[in-house]
Protein backbone atom coordinates (compact mmCIF):
# COMPACT_ATOMS: atom_id res chain seq x y z
CA MET A 1 -22.31 -19.04 -21.96
CA PRO A 2 -18.69 -17.35 -22.06
CA GLU A 3 -19.60 -14.70 -19.00
CA SER A 4 -20.73 -14.98 -16.08
CA ALA A 5 -24.60 -13.88 -15.41
CA ALA A 6 -23.14 -11.60 -12.30
CA VAL A 7 -21.64 -9.28 -15.06
CA TRP A 8 -25.18 -8.88 -16.75
CA ARG A 9 -27.52 -6.53 -15.38
CA ILE A 10 -31.07 -6.59 -16.41
CA VAL A 11 -33.80 -3.74 -15.74
CA GLU A 12 -37.04 -3.04 -16.58
CA ASP A 13 -36.87 -0.21 -18.61
CA ASP A 14 -39.64 2.89 -19.79
CA LEU A 15 -38.20 3.43 -22.95
CA SER A 16 -37.17 6.84 -22.47
CA GLY A 17 -33.84 6.74 -22.86
CA ALA A 18 -31.87 7.50 -26.28
CA PRO A 19 -29.98 4.83 -25.71
CA ILE A 20 -32.76 1.96 -26.26
CA ARG A 21 -34.65 4.17 -28.54
CA ALA A 22 -31.89 3.75 -30.83
CA LEU A 23 -31.23 -0.03 -30.60
CA LEU A 24 -35.06 -0.34 -31.38
CA GLU A 25 -34.77 1.41 -34.57
CA VAL A 26 -32.19 -0.66 -35.47
CA HIS A 27 -34.10 -3.38 -34.28
CA PHE A 28 -37.05 -2.28 -36.20
CA ALA A 29 -34.73 -1.32 -39.58
CA GLY A 30 -33.67 -4.92 -38.98
CA MET A 31 -37.14 -6.52 -39.61
CA LEU A 32 -38.22 -4.52 -42.21
CA ALA A 33 -35.06 -5.24 -44.32
CA ASN A 34 -35.16 -8.85 -43.85
CA SER A 35 -39.10 -9.34 -44.25
CA PRO A 36 -41.76 -7.73 -45.95
CA ALA A 37 -43.27 -5.15 -44.16
CA GLU A 38 -46.86 -6.83 -44.06
CA SER A 39 -44.93 -9.72 -42.53
CA CYS A 40 -43.20 -7.83 -39.62
CA HIS A 41 -44.86 -8.27 -36.39
CA PHE A 42 -42.52 -5.96 -34.54
CA LEU A 43 -44.12 -4.17 -31.77
CA ASP A 44 -43.41 -0.20 -32.25
CA PHE A 45 -42.54 2.46 -28.58
CA ASP A 46 -46.54 2.55 -28.36
CA GLY A 47 -46.97 -0.79 -28.53
CA LEU A 48 -43.68 -1.96 -25.89
CA ARG A 49 -45.66 0.41 -23.65
CA ALA A 50 -48.94 -1.42 -23.74
CA GLY A 51 -50.12 -2.79 -20.56
CA ASP A 52 -49.95 -6.41 -21.60
CA VAL A 53 -46.24 -5.89 -22.51
CA THR A 54 -43.18 -5.53 -19.93
CA PHE A 55 -40.13 -4.72 -21.70
CA TRP A 56 -36.29 -4.64 -20.39
CA SER A 57 -32.83 -4.07 -20.97
CA ILE A 58 -29.65 -5.72 -20.53
CA HIS A 59 -26.32 -3.72 -19.83
CA ARG A 60 -22.86 -4.68 -18.77
CA GLY A 61 -21.85 -1.95 -16.71
CA ASP A 62 -22.96 1.68 -17.83
CA GLU A 63 -23.28 0.16 -21.63
CA LEU A 64 -26.78 -1.12 -23.34
CA ALA A 65 -26.18 -4.53 -24.64
CA GLY A 66 -29.26 -5.53 -25.75
CA CYS A 67 -33.54 -6.01 -25.03
CA GLY A 68 -36.34 -8.45 -24.89
CA ALA A 69 -40.13 -8.17 -23.72
CA LEU A 70 -42.68 -10.35 -23.11
CA LYS A 71 -46.56 -10.01 -24.02
CA MET A 72 -49.33 -11.39 -22.16
CA LEU A 73 -51.13 -13.20 -23.98
CA GLY A 74 -54.05 -14.62 -21.64
CA ASN A 75 -54.80 -18.58 -20.97
CA ALA A 76 -51.56 -19.01 -19.41
CA GLN A 77 -49.77 -17.92 -22.23
CA GLY A 78 -46.88 -15.77 -23.24
CA GLU A 79 -45.05 -14.75 -26.16
CA ILE A 80 -41.32 -13.23 -26.56
CA LYS A 81 -41.17 -10.04 -28.43
CA SER A 82 -37.79 -7.89 -29.32
CA MET A 83 -35.02 -9.65 -28.52
CA ARG A 84 -32.34 -7.45 -30.04
CA THR A 85 -28.60 -7.72 -29.35
CA ALA A 86 -26.78 -4.10 -29.70
CA GLU A 87 -24.11 -4.81 -32.33
CA ALA A 88 -20.85 -4.51 -29.63
CA PHE A 89 -22.32 -7.76 -27.73
CA LEU A 90 -23.00 -10.08 -30.30
CA ARG A 91 -21.92 -13.31 -29.61
CA GLN A 92 -21.21 -12.56 -25.69
CA GLY A 93 -24.26 -14.35 -24.60
CA VAL A 94 -26.54 -11.36 -23.91
CA ALA A 95 -29.58 -12.78 -25.97
CA ALA A 96 -28.92 -16.19 -24.09
CA HIS A 97 -29.22 -13.66 -20.41
CA MET A 98 -31.89 -12.42 -21.76
CA LEU A 99 -33.98 -15.48 -22.65
CA VAL A 100 -33.40 -17.30 -20.11
CA HIS A 101 -34.92 -13.84 -17.63
CA ILE A 102 -37.54 -13.90 -19.85
CA VAL A 103 -38.50 -17.38 -19.28
CA ASP A 104 -37.81 -17.12 -15.53
CA GLU A 105 -40.70 -14.60 -15.70
CA ALA A 106 -43.18 -16.38 -17.58
CA ARG A 107 -42.87 -19.14 -15.25
CA ASN A 108 -43.18 -16.58 -11.88
CA ARG A 109 -46.14 -15.32 -13.51
CA GLY A 110 -48.04 -18.76 -13.78
CA LEU A 111 -47.61 -19.01 -17.82
CA GLU A 112 -47.77 -22.53 -18.79
CA ARG A 113 -46.63 -21.67 -22.30
CA LEU A 114 -44.25 -19.18 -23.81
CA SER A 115 -44.14 -18.37 -27.66
CA LEU A 116 -42.28 -16.47 -30.45
CA GLU A 117 -42.97 -15.36 -33.90
CA THR A 118 -39.80 -14.30 -36.00
CA GLY A 119 -38.61 -14.27 -39.42
CA SER A 120 -37.92 -16.98 -41.63
CA SER A 121 -34.97 -15.96 -44.11
CA PRO A 122 -31.21 -16.51 -43.49
CA ALA A 123 -30.59 -13.51 -41.46
CA PHE A 124 -33.31 -14.79 -38.70
CA GLU A 125 -30.72 -18.54 -37.85
CA PRO A 126 -28.36 -17.43 -35.25
CA ALA A 127 -32.03 -16.34 -33.34
CA LEU A 128 -33.82 -20.07 -34.54
CA ALA A 129 -30.65 -21.90 -33.22
CA LEU A 130 -30.87 -19.80 -29.57
CA TYR A 131 -34.43 -20.57 -29.47
CA ARG A 132 -34.00 -24.49 -30.46
CA ALA A 133 -30.99 -24.83 -27.58
CA HIS A 134 -33.66 -23.34 -25.08
CA GLY A 135 -36.01 -25.54 -25.91
CA PHE A 136 -38.25 -24.31 -28.58
CA ALA A 137 -39.71 -25.93 -31.46
CA ASP A 138 -41.48 -25.11 -34.49
CA CYS A 139 -45.43 -24.72 -34.14
CA GLU A 140 -48.54 -23.42 -36.11
CA PRO A 141 -49.24 -19.48 -36.02
CA PHE A 142 -50.68 -18.50 -32.43
CA ALA A 143 -52.73 -15.83 -31.34
CA ASP A 144 -53.64 -13.99 -33.58
CA TYR A 145 -50.65 -14.83 -36.38
CA ARG A 146 -51.58 -16.47 -39.14
CA PRO A 147 -49.85 -18.80 -42.03
CA ASP A 148 -46.65 -16.48 -43.74
CA PRO A 149 -44.01 -17.82 -45.48
CA PHE A 150 -41.99 -14.82 -43.42
CA SER A 151 -42.52 -15.61 -40.60
CA ARG A 152 -41.15 -19.12 -38.17
CA PHE A 153 -43.90 -19.89 -34.88
CA MET A 154 -41.95 -21.55 -32.04
CA THR A 155 -43.45 -22.39 -29.04
CA ARG A 156 -42.08 -24.47 -25.31
CA ALA A 157 -44.18 -26.03 -22.00
CA LEU A 158 -43.16 -23.96 -18.67
């Protein structure tokens, strides 16, 4: 990673600030631009505030750099949700720092498996490469997901 982890500050976020809401609006629009609506499984604002979801934002100084969330699934399993890097921070290690944070938090909570669903179009290749680099491998649909040509499912043991 190009910059030290000390440069980044990750905080649990209540989604009340304008910058995080704007970043999530970009996230929602990006998902809908690259997959049909019925194949988009992102959590909206209410979903990200649910009791089984913890949402974090990542900052450099006072600037919002990205976000990510952990959804508890039960049976010692969790799901990564809402990973997004702000445009100004692309290719600076933001997503990798957030992913490491989520994996560490999942381990601290005693989870044994962490999974995710993401898109399958070329727009999602950078995300897929990041997940593979951190030990995630393709898997079958999990939780309530069903097979979908617009979705990719990945998992890793913790």
